[in-house]
């Protein structure tokens, strides 16, 4: 089953991934990260399509996409 992993300490809370997700399963947390931002979080992971749009639009590269046990890193620093 595909899914995503969001690094809350790299997320700056821009909400681009929230608006880009075709399934609407990413929302903003009510908690604050160590950087002082509300971060993106995944809810209803079973509905994730693995389309990778969230990872593509994330300016902070805070999202990893997992599909069938494979991790897709769009930019590897």
PDB file of N, CA and C in Angstrom:
ATOM      1  N   UNK A   1       0.843  -1.173   0.000  1.00  0.00           N
ATOM      2  CA  UNK A   1       0.000   0.000   0.000  1.00  0.00           C
ATOM      3  C   UNK A   1       0.891   1.240   0.000  1.00  0.00           C
ATOM      4  N   UNK A   2       0.654   2.183  -0.894  1.00  0.00           N
ATOM      5  CA  UNK A   2       1.459   3.402  -0.924  1.00  0.00           C
ATOM      6  C   UNK A   2       1.145   4.300   0.270  1.00  0.00           C
ATOM      7  N   UNK A   3       2.048   5.188   0.553  1.00  0.00           N
ATOM      8  CA  UNK A   3       1.859   6.129   1.642  1.00  0.00           C
ATOM      9  C   UNK A   3       2.935   7.198   1.611  1.00  0.00           C
ATOM     10  N   UNK A   4       2.844   8.137   2.525  1.00  0.00           N
ATOM     11  CA  UNK A   4       3.849   9.191   2.592  1.00  0.00           C
ATOM     12  C   UNK A   4       4.360   9.313   4.020  1.00  0.00           C
ATOM     13  N   UNK A   5       5.562   9.837   4.132  1.00  0.00           N
ATOM     14  CA  UNK A   5       6.174  10.127   5.415  1.00  0.00           C
ATOM     15  C   UNK A   5       6.546  11.608   5.404  1.00  0.00           C
ATOM     16  N   UNK A   6       6.076  12.358   6.381  1.00  0.00           N
ATOM     17  CA  UNK A   6       6.341  13.788   6.446  1.00  0.00           C
ATOM     18  C   UNK A   6       7.287  14.054   7.609  1.00  0.00           C
ATOM     19  N   UNK A   7       8.417  14.699   7.320  1.00  0.00           N
ATOM     20  CA  UNK A   7       9.377  15.069   8.367  1.00  0.00           C
ATOM     21  C   UNK A   7       8.910  16.386   8.963  1.00  0.00           C
ATOM     22  N   UNK A   8       8.313  16.324  10.147  1.00  0.00           N
ATOM     23  CA  UNK A   8       7.719  17.521  10.742  1.00  0.00           C
ATOM     24  C   UNK A   8       8.760  18.579  11.100  1.00  0.00           C
ATOM     25  N   UNK A   9      10.015  18.183  11.258  1.00  0.00           N
ATOM     26  CA  UNK A   9      11.047  19.165  11.600  1.00  0.00           C
ATOM     27  C   UNK A   9      11.607  19.889  10.377  1.00  0.00           C
ATOM     28  N   UNK A  10      11.286  19.418   9.177  1.00  0.00           N
ATOM     29  CA  UNK A  10      11.681  20.122   7.960  1.00  0.00           C
ATOM     30  C   UNK A  10      10.524  20.902   7.342  1.00  0.00           C
ATOM     31  N   UNK A  11       9.309  20.558   7.713  1.00  0.00           N
ATOM     32  CA  UNK A  11       8.119  21.204   7.161  1.00  0.00           C
ATOM     33  C   UNK A  11       7.981  22.610   7.739  1.00  0.00           C
ATOM     34  N   UNK A  12       7.770  23.595   6.861  1.00  0.00           N
ATOM     35  CA  UNK A  12       7.596  24.972   7.334  1.00  0.00           C
ATOM     36  C   UNK A  12       6.131  25.401   7.339  1.00  0.00           C
ATOM     37  N   UNK A  13       5.227  24.487   7.049  1.00  0.00           N
ATOM     38  CA  UNK A  13       3.808  24.771   7.145  1.00  0.00           C
ATOM     39  C   UNK A  13       3.252  25.637   6.040  1.00  0.00           C
ATOM     40  N   UNK A  14       3.776  25.521   4.835  1.00  0.00           N
ATOM     41  CA  UNK A  14       3.329  26.364   3.720  1.00  0.00           C
ATOM     42  C   UNK A  14       1.962  25.936   3.167  1.00  0.00           C
ATOM     43  N   UNK A  15       1.534  24.716   3.470  1.00  0.00           N
ATOM     44  CA  UNK A  15       0.245  24.152   3.072  1.00  0.00           C
ATOM     45  C   UNK A  15       0.110  23.877   1.571  1.00  0.00           C
ATOM     46  N   UNK A  16       1.186  23.911   0.825  1.00  0.00           N
ATOM     47  CA  UNK A  16       1.118  23.617  -0.608  1.00  0.00           C
ATOM     48  C   UNK A  16       0.698  22.160  -0.826  1.00  0.00           C
ATOM     49  N   UNK A  17       1.232  21.252  -0.030  1.00  0.00           N
ATOM     50  CA  UNK A  17       0.879  19.840  -0.170  1.00  0.00           C
ATOM     51  C   UNK A  17      -0.583  19.589   0.176  1.00  0.00           C
ATOM     52  N   UNK A  18      -1.108  20.334   1.126  1.00  0.00           N
ATOM     53  CA  UNK A  18      -2.519  20.185   1.515  1.00  0.00           C
ATOM     54  C   UNK A  18      -3.421  20.507   0.329  1.00  0.00           C
ATOM     55  N   UNK A  19      -3.110  21.599  -0.362  1.00  0.00           N
ATOM     56  CA  UNK A  19      -3.916  22.003  -1.522  1.00  0.00           C
ATOM     57  C   UNK A  19      -3.677  21.110  -2.734  1.00  0.00           C
ATOM     58  N   UNK A  20      -2.480  20.509  -2.839  1.00  0.00           N
ATOM     59  CA  UNK A  20      -2.134  19.707  -4.013  1.00  0.00           C
ATOM     60  C   UNK A  20      -2.649  18.268  -3.953  1.00  0.00           C
ATOM     61  N   UNK A  21      -2.901  17.756  -2.775  1.00  0.00           N
ATOM     62  CA  UNK A  21      -3.302  16.351  -2.635  1.00  0.00           C
ATOM     63  C   UNK A  21      -4.675  16.100  -3.264  1.00  0.00           C
ATOM     64  N   UNK A  22      -4.747  15.232  -4.278  1.00  0.00           N
ATOM     65  CA  UNK A  22      -6.036  14.972  -4.932  1.00  0.00           C
ATOM     66  C   UNK A  22      -7.026  14.237  -4.029  1.00  0.00           C
ATOM     67  N   UNK A  23      -6.542  13.523  -3.031  1.00  0.00           N
ATOM     68  CA  UNK A  23      -7.406  12.788  -2.118  1.00  0.00           C
ATOM     69  C   UNK A  23      -7.811  13.621  -0.903  1.00  0.00           C
ATOM     70  N   UNK A  24      -7.133  14.735  -0.662  1.00  0.00           N
ATOM     71  CA  UNK A  24      -7.445  15.572   0.487  1.00  0.00           C
ATOM     72  C   UNK A  24      -7.138  14.910   1.819  1.00  0.00           C
ATOM     73  N   UNK A  25      -6.054  14.138   1.872  1.00  0.00           N
ATOM     74  CA  UNK A  25      -5.730  13.403   3.097  1.00  0.00           C
ATOM     75  C   UNK A  25      -4.559  14.007   3.863  1.00  0.00           C
ATOM     76  N   UNK A  26      -4.098  15.165   3.469  1.00  0.00           N
ATOM     77  CA  UNK A  26      -3.047  15.874   4.195  1.00  0.00           C
ATOM     78  C   UNK A  26      -3.679  17.103   4.824  1.00  0.00           C
ATOM     79  N   UNK A  27      -3.376  17.311   6.098  1.00  0.00           N
ATOM     80  CA  UNK A  27      -3.903  18.476   6.802  1.00  0.00           C
ATOM     81  C   UNK A  27      -2.792  19.067   7.667  1.00  0.00           C
ATOM     82  N   UNK A  28      -3.076  20.205   8.243  1.00  0.00           N
ATOM     83  CA  UNK A  28      -2.092  20.850   9.112  1.00  0.00           C
ATOM     84  C   UNK A  28      -2.321  20.398  10.547  1.00  0.00           C
ATOM     85  N   UNK A  29      -1.229  20.145  11.245  1.00  0.00           N
ATOM     86  CA  UNK A  29      -1.280  19.716  12.631  1.00  0.00           C
ATOM     87  C   UNK A  29      -1.648  20.875  13.540  1.00  0.00           C
ATOM     88  N   UNK A  30      -2.181  20.552  14.685  1.00  0.00           N
ATOM     89  CA  UNK A  30      -2.447  21.569  15.694  1.00  0.00           C
ATOM     90  C   UNK A  30      -1.237  21.744  16.614  1.00  0.00           C
ATOM     91  N   UNK A  31      -0.229  20.888  16.440  1.00  0.00           N
ATOM     92  CA  UNK A  31       1.005  20.972  17.215  1.00  0.00           C
ATOM     93  C   UNK A  31       2.021  21.816  16.456  1.00  0.00           C
ATOM     94  N   UNK A  32       3.028  22.286  17.165  1.00  0.00           N
ATOM     95  CA  UNK A  32       4.067  23.122  16.568  1.00  0.00           C
ATOM     96  C   UNK A  32       5.377  22.337  16.569  1.00  0.00           C
ATOM     97  N   UNK A  33       6.120  22.425  15.460  1.00  0.00           N
ATOM     98  CA  UNK A  33       7.404  21.729  15.332  1.00  0.00           C
ATOM     99  C   UNK A  33       8.489  22.482  16.093  1.00  0.00           C
ATOM    100  N   UNK A  34       9.685  21.907  16.111  1.00  0.00           N
ATOM    101  CA  UNK A  34      10.815  22.555  16.785  1.00  0.00           C
ATOM    102  C   UNK A  34      11.217  23.858  16.100  1.00  0.00           C
ATOM    103  N   UNK A  35      10.850  24.008  14.825  1.00  0.00           N
ATOM    104  CA  UNK A  35      11.145  25.246  14.099  1.00  0.00           C
ATOM    105  C   UNK A  35      10.078  26.316  14.330  1.00  0.00           C
ATOM    106  N   UNK A  36       8.998  25.955  15.028  1.00  0.00           N
ATOM    107  CA  UNK A  36       7.964  26.920  15.350  1.00  0.00           C
ATOM    108  C   UNK A  36       6.835  27.017  14.341  1.00  0.00           C
ATOM    109  N   UNK A  37       6.659  25.979  13.522  1.00  0.00           N
ATOM    110  CA  UNK A  37       5.612  25.979  12.495  1.00  0.00           C
ATOM    111  C   UNK A  37       4.583  24.890  12.770  1.00  0.00           C
ATOM    112  N   UNK A  38       3.354  25.108  12.331  1.00  0.00           N
ATOM    113  CA  UNK A  38       2.381  24.036  12.260  1.00  0.00           C
ATOM    114  C   UNK A  38       2.778  23.200  11.050  1.00  0.00           C
ATOM    115  N   UNK A  39       2.915  21.923  11.196  1.00  0.00           N
ATOM    116  CA  UNK A  39       3.422  21.065  10.127  1.00  0.00           C
ATOM    117  C   UNK A  39       2.301  20.241   9.494  1.00  0.00           C
ATOM    118  N   UNK A  40       2.559  19.750   8.294  1.00  0.00           N
ATOM    119  CA  UNK A  40       1.596  18.904   7.583  1.00  0.00           C
ATOM    120  C   UNK A  40       1.594  17.516   8.205  1.00  0.00           C
ATOM    121  N   UNK A  41       0.437  16.884   8.177  1.00  0.00           N
ATOM    122  CA  UNK A  41       0.323  15.516   8.676  1.00  0.00           C
ATOM    123  C   UNK A  41      -0.640  14.742   7.794  1.00  0.00           C
ATOM    124  N   UNK A  42      -0.472  13.447   7.784  1.00  0.00           N
ATOM    125  CA  UNK A  42      -1.317  12.566   6.977  1.00  0.00           C
ATOM    126  C   UNK A  42      -2.435  12.010   7.840  1.00  0.00           C
ATOM    127  N   UNK A  43      -3.647  12.091   7.349  1.00  0.00           N
ATOM    128  CA  UNK A  43      -4.766  11.406   7.984  1.00  0.00           C
ATOM    129  C   UNK A  43      -5.413  10.534   6.918  1.00  0.00           C
ATOM    130  N   UNK A  44      -5.999   9.451   7.314  1.00  0.00           N
ATOM    131  CA  UNK A  44      -6.566   8.446   6.409  1.00  0.00           C
ATOM    132  C   UNK A  44      -5.517   7.916   5.419  1.00  0.00           C
ATOM    133  N   UNK A  45      -4.433   7.330   5.920  1.00  0.00           N
ATOM    134  CA  UNK A  45      -3.367   6.837   5.035  1.00  0.00           C
ATOM    135  C   UNK A  45      -3.816   5.758   4.060  1.00  0.00           C
ATOM    136  N   UNK A  46      -4.886   5.060   4.362  1.00  0.00           N
ATOM    137  CA  UNK A  46      -5.361   4.007   3.458  1.00  0.00           C
ATOM    138  C   UNK A  46      -5.893   4.574   2.136  1.00  0.00           C
ATOM    139  N   UNK A  47      -6.195   5.866   2.101  1.00  0.00           N
ATOM    140  CA  UNK A  47      -6.698   6.487   0.875  1.00  0.00           C
ATOM    141  C   UNK A  47      -5.588   7.051  -0.009  1.00  0.00           C
ATOM    142  N   UNK A  48      -4.331   6.966   0.420  1.00  0.00           N
ATOM    143  CA  UNK A  48      -3.216   7.509  -0.359  1.00  0.00           C
ATOM    144  C   UNK A  48      -3.048   6.730  -1.663  1.00  0.00           C
ATOM    145  N   UNK A  49      -2.948   7.460  -2.772  1.00  0.00           N
ATOM    146  CA  UNK A  49      -2.784   6.850  -4.089  1.00  0.00           C
ATOM    147  C   UNK A  49      -1.322   6.613  -4.450  1.00  0.00           C
ATOM    148  N   UNK A  50      -0.411   7.266  -3.750  1.00  0.00           N
ATOM    149  CA  UNK A  50       1.003   7.179  -4.093  1.00  0.00           C
ATOM    150  C   UNK A  50       1.346   7.991  -5.325  1.00  0.00           C
ATOM    151  N   UNK A  51       0.586   9.052  -5.589  1.00  0.00           N
ATOM    152  CA  UNK A  51       0.770   9.839  -6.817  1.00  0.00           C
ATOM    153  C   UNK A  51       2.019  10.727  -6.794  1.00  0.00           C
ATOM    154  N   UNK A  52       2.571  10.978  -5.613  1.00  0.00           N
ATOM    155  CA  UNK A  52       3.806  11.751  -5.420  1.00  0.00           C
ATOM    156  C   UNK A  52       3.657  13.258  -5.651  1.00  0.00           C
ATOM    157  N   UNK A  53       2.453  13.747  -5.848  1.00  0.00           N
ATOM    158  CA  UNK A  53       2.262  15.177  -6.076  1.00  0.00           C
ATOM    159  C   UNK A  53       2.710  15.975  -4.855  1.00  0.00           C
ATOM    160  N   UNK A  54       2.397  15.484  -3.666  1.00  0.00           N
ATOM    161  CA  UNK A  54       2.784  16.195  -2.447  1.00  0.00           C
ATOM    162  C   UNK A  54       4.298  16.360  -2.358  1.00  0.00           C
ATOM    163  N   UNK A  55       5.050  15.306  -2.674  1.00  0.00           N
ATOM    164  CA  UNK A  55       6.507  15.366  -2.614  1.00  0.00           C
ATOM    165  C   UNK A  55       7.078  16.279  -3.701  1.00  0.00           C
ATOM    166  N   UNK A  56       6.432  16.306  -4.852  1.00  0.00           N
ATOM    167  CA  UNK A  56       6.905  17.146  -5.955  1.00  0.00           C
ATOM    168  C   UNK A  56       6.745  18.621  -5.625  1.00  0.00           C
ATOM    169  N   UNK A  57       5.626  18.994  -5.014  1.00  0.00           N
ATOM    170  CA  UNK A  57       5.372  20.412  -4.747  1.00  0.00           C
ATOM    171  C   UNK A  57       6.003  20.913  -3.452  1.00  0.00           C
ATOM    172  N   UNK A  58       6.490  20.048  -2.590  1.00  0.00           N
ATOM    173  CA  UNK A  58       7.052  20.456  -1.302  1.00  0.00           C
ATOM    174  C   UNK A  58       8.376  21.203  -1.503  1.00  0.00           C
ATOM    175  N   UNK A  59       8.421  22.501  -1.161  1.00  0.00           N
ATOM    176  CA  UNK A  59       9.653  23.265  -1.358  1.00  0.00           C
ATOM    177  C   UNK A  59      10.755  22.912  -0.362  1.00  0.00           C
ATOM    178  N   UNK A  60      10.410  22.236   0.729  1.00  0.00           N
ATOM    179  CA  UNK A  60      11.391  21.892   1.756  1.00  0.00           C
ATOM    180  C   UNK A  60      11.853  20.443   1.699  1.00  0.00           C
ATOM    181  N   UNK A  61      11.372  19.689   0.732  1.00  0.00           N
ATOM    182  CA  UNK A  61      11.699  18.268   0.571  1.00  0.00           C
ATOM    183  C   UNK A  61      11.473  17.538   1.899  1.00  0.00           C
ATOM    184  N   UNK A  62      10.316  17.796   2.509  1.00  0.00           N
ATOM    185  CA  UNK A  62       9.977  17.212   3.796  1.00  0.00           C
ATOM    186  C   UNK A  62       9.104  15.971   3.655  1.00  0.00           C
ATOM    187  N   UNK A  63       8.789  15.572   2.426  1.00  0.00           N
ATOM    188  CA  UNK A  63       7.867  14.459   2.208  1.00  0.00           C
ATOM    189  C   UNK A  63       8.551  13.352   1.411  1.00  0.00           C
ATOM    190  N   UNK A  64       8.454  12.131   1.935  1.00  0.00           N
ATOM    191  CA  UNK A  64       8.931  10.942   1.233  1.00  0.00           C
ATOM    192  C   UNK A  64       7.714  10.121   0.832  1.00  0.00           C
ATOM    193  N   UNK A  65       7.761   9.558  -0.353  1.00  0.00           N
ATOM    194  CA  UNK A  65       6.666   8.717  -0.833  1.00  0.00           C
ATOM    195  C   UNK A  65       7.119   7.271  -0.786  1.00  0.00           C
ATOM    196  N   UNK A  66       6.281   6.429  -0.192  1.00  0.00           N
ATOM    197  CA  UNK A  66       6.571   5.005  -0.098  1.00  0.00           C
ATOM    198  C   UNK A  66       5.552   4.259  -0.937  1.00  0.00           C
ATOM    199  N   UNK A  67       6.029   3.424  -1.836  1.00  0.00           N
ATOM    200  CA  UNK A  67       5.128   2.641  -2.670  1.00  0.00           C
ATOM    201  C   UNK A  67       5.643   1.208  -2.750  1.00  0.00           C
ATOM    202  N   UNK A  68       4.864   0.286  -2.210  1.00  0.00           N
ATOM    203  CA  UNK A  68       5.184  -1.140  -2.244  1.00  0.00           C
ATOM    204  C   UNK A  68       6.565  -1.435  -1.667  1.00  0.00           C
ATOM    205  N   UNK A  69       6.895  -0.784  -0.543  1.00  0.00           N
ATOM    206  CA  UNK A  69       8.153  -1.042   0.122  1.00  0.00           C
ATOM    207  C   UNK A  69       9.331  -0.264  -0.419  1.00  0.00           C
ATOM    208  N   UNK A  70       9.129   0.512  -1.473  1.00  0.00           N
ATOM    209  CA  UNK A  70      10.200   1.313  -2.049  1.00  0.00           C
ATOM    210  C   UNK A  70      10.037   2.763  -1.605  1.00  0.00           C
ATOM    211  N   UNK A  71      11.124   3.395  -1.214  1.00  0.00           N
ATOM    212  CA  UNK A  71      11.090   4.801  -0.836  1.00  0.00           C
ATOM    213  C   UNK A  71      11.562   5.616  -2.027  1.00  0.00           C
ATOM    214  N   UNK A  72      10.758   6.589  -2.447  1.00  0.00           N
ATOM    215  CA  UNK A  72      11.119   7.462  -3.548  1.00  0.00           C
ATOM    216  C   UNK A  72      11.527   8.814  -2.992  1.00  0.00           C
ATOM    217  N   UNK A  73      12.797   9.159  -3.102  1.00  0.00           N
ATOM    218  CA  UNK A  73      13.303  10.468  -2.720  1.00  0.00           C
ATOM    219  C   UNK A  73      13.486  11.258  -3.997  1.00  0.00           C
ATOM    220  N   UNK A  74      12.759  12.351  -4.142  1.00  0.00           N
ATOM    221  CA  UNK A  74      12.852  13.107  -5.369  1.00  0.00           C
ATOM    222  C   UNK A  74      14.154  13.879  -5.470  1.00  0.00           C
ATOM    223  N   UNK A  75      14.653  14.354  -4.326  1.00  0.00           N
ATOM    224  CA  UNK A  75      15.929  15.054  -4.302  1.00  0.00           C
ATOM    225  C   UNK A  75      16.741  14.445  -3.162  1.00  0.00           C
ATOM    226  N   UNK A  76      17.904  13.939  -3.451  1.00  0.00           N
ATOM    227  CA  UNK A  76      18.723  13.310  -2.427  1.00  0.00           C
ATOM    228  C   UNK A  76      19.937  14.188  -2.193  1.00  0.00           C
ATOM    229  N   UNK A  77      19.963  14.822  -1.042  1.00  0.00           N
ATOM    230  CA  UNK A  77      21.095  15.719  -0.702  1.00  0.00           C
ATOM    231  C   UNK A  77      22.190  14.957  -0.020  1.00  0.00           C
TER     232      UNK A  77
END
